[in-house]
Every structure is written in C-alpha cells, then in structure tokens.
Amino acid sequence: MAAGLRAVRRWGLVAAAPPRLAFTRSAFVVKKANNAQPNWLGVGLAFGTSAALWAFLIKQHNEDVMEWERRKQARGHKCTECS
C-alpha cells in the first residue's frame, strides 16, 4: 500500500501537506510611505488624468447638445416649453 501511495504522490494526484504560514511582509509594501516627500509624478498623473477625462466629458456633452439642437431644428419642433 505504501508503494502505491508513493507512486500516486509522485504523479501529483495527492495533495501535499499545506505549507507553513510564514509571517512575511508583502512584496508590495517595501517601505513605509514618507509623507514629507510626496510622489509628485504620481500626483501629477492622477490630477492630469482626471482633468483630461473631465475635459473630454465636457467636450462630448457640448457636442451632444449641439447635435440635439440640430436634430430638433431639422424636425421643425415648435414646442415653446422645450427651449
């Protein structure tokens, strides 16, 4: 029976014992954040991306409103309440 179990383990069909828990630091937390020296590149990228997205959103909204007005004029809409 033991020889059969060794053969099964050799082929990876039986799960090995779980690894021991190791109290290690995460690979993503290498050092403490230094709040005295902010990451200005990251700050600039974050605010720049946000500003670019808002600019695109406002531009797209203005284009959509202009298209809506153009189509409303093409339909000959005469409603005074929908200015």
Protein backbone atom coordinates (compact mmCIF):
# COMPACT_ATOMS: atom_id res chain seq x y z
CA MET A 1 0.00 0.00 0.00
CA ALA A 2 2.82 2.42 0.84
CA ALA A 3 4.45 1.85 -2.56
CA GLY A 4 1.16 2.66 -4.29
CA LEU A 5 0.76 5.85 -2.24
CA ARG A 6 4.31 6.91 -3.12
CA ALA A 7 3.57 6.37 -6.81
CA VAL A 8 0.38 8.43 -6.57
CA ARG A 9 2.21 11.25 -4.79
CA ARG A 10 4.98 11.14 -7.38
CA TRP A 11 2.41 11.83 -10.11
CA GLY A 12 0.89 14.68 -8.12
CA LEU A 13 -2.51 13.10 -7.59
CA VAL A 14 -2.49 13.55 -3.82
CA ALA A 15 -2.16 17.00 -2.37
CA ALA A 16 0.95 17.56 -0.35
CA ALA A 17 0.81 18.94 3.17
CA PRO A 18 -0.08 22.65 3.24
CA PRO A 19 2.90 24.96 3.60
CA ARG A 20 3.52 26.51 6.96
CA LEU A 21 2.31 30.04 7.42
CA ALA A 22 5.16 32.49 7.30
CA PHE A 23 4.74 35.96 8.69
CA THR A 24 6.47 37.94 5.98
CA ARG A 25 5.83 41.36 4.56
CA SER A 26 4.01 41.71 1.30
CA ALA A 27 6.11 42.24 -1.81
CA PHE A 28 4.10 45.40 -2.50
CA VAL A 29 4.90 47.05 0.83
CA VAL A 30 8.61 47.53 0.70
CA LYS A 31 8.97 50.54 2.97
CA LYS A 32 6.81 52.96 4.90
CA ALA A 33 5.40 55.90 2.98
CA ASN A 34 7.32 59.12 3.51
CA ASN A 35 4.62 61.78 3.74
CA ALA A 36 7.22 64.54 3.89
CA GLN A 37 8.15 63.83 0.27
CA PRO A 38 5.05 63.11 -1.83
CA ASN A 39 5.36 61.26 -5.10
CA TRP A 40 4.83 64.30 -7.33
CA LEU A 41 4.90 62.24 -10.51
CA GLY A 42 2.02 60.11 -9.24
CA VAL A 43 0.13 63.18 -8.03
CA GLY A 44 0.59 64.89 -11.39
CA LEU A 45 -0.52 61.81 -13.30
CA ALA A 46 -3.61 61.43 -11.13
CA PHE A 47 -4.70 65.06 -11.43
CA GLY A 48 -3.72 65.25 -15.10
CA THR A 49 -5.73 62.15 -15.94
CA SER A 50 -8.70 63.48 -14.02
CA ALA A 51 -8.52 66.85 -15.79
CA ALA A 52 -8.21 65.19 -19.21
CA LEU A 53 -11.23 62.98 -18.54
CA TRP A 54 -13.31 65.95 -17.37
CA ALA A 55 -12.28 67.96 -20.45
CA PHE A 56 -13.29 65.07 -22.72
CA LEU A 57 -16.59 64.68 -20.86
CA ILE A 58 -17.46 68.38 -21.18
CA LYS A 59 -16.43 68.44 -24.86
CA GLN A 60 -18.54 65.37 -25.59
CA HIS A 61 -21.51 66.84 -23.72
CA ASN A 62 -21.29 70.08 -25.71
CA GLU A 63 -21.15 68.13 -28.98
CA ASP A 64 -24.16 66.05 -27.92
CA VAL A 65 -26.17 69.19 -27.06
CA MET A 66 -25.28 70.76 -30.42
CA GLU A 67 -26.36 67.58 -32.24
CA TRP A 68 -29.62 67.51 -30.27
CA GLU A 69 -30.32 71.15 -31.16
CA ARG A 70 -29.53 70.45 -34.83
CA ARG A 71 -31.89 67.48 -34.95
CA LYS A 72 -34.58 69.43 -33.13
CA GLN A 73 -34.34 72.19 -35.76
CA ALA A 74 -34.41 69.62 -38.58
CA ARG A 75 -37.63 68.13 -37.18
CA GLY A 76 -39.24 71.54 -37.13
CA HIS A 77 -40.02 71.32 -33.43
CA LYS A 78 -42.37 74.15 -32.48
CA CYS A 79 -42.88 73.50 -28.75
CA THR A 80 -42.20 76.67 -26.73
CA GLU A 81 -41.75 74.77 -23.45
CA CYS A 82 -38.69 72.80 -24.69
CA SER A 83 -36.26 75.63 -25.22
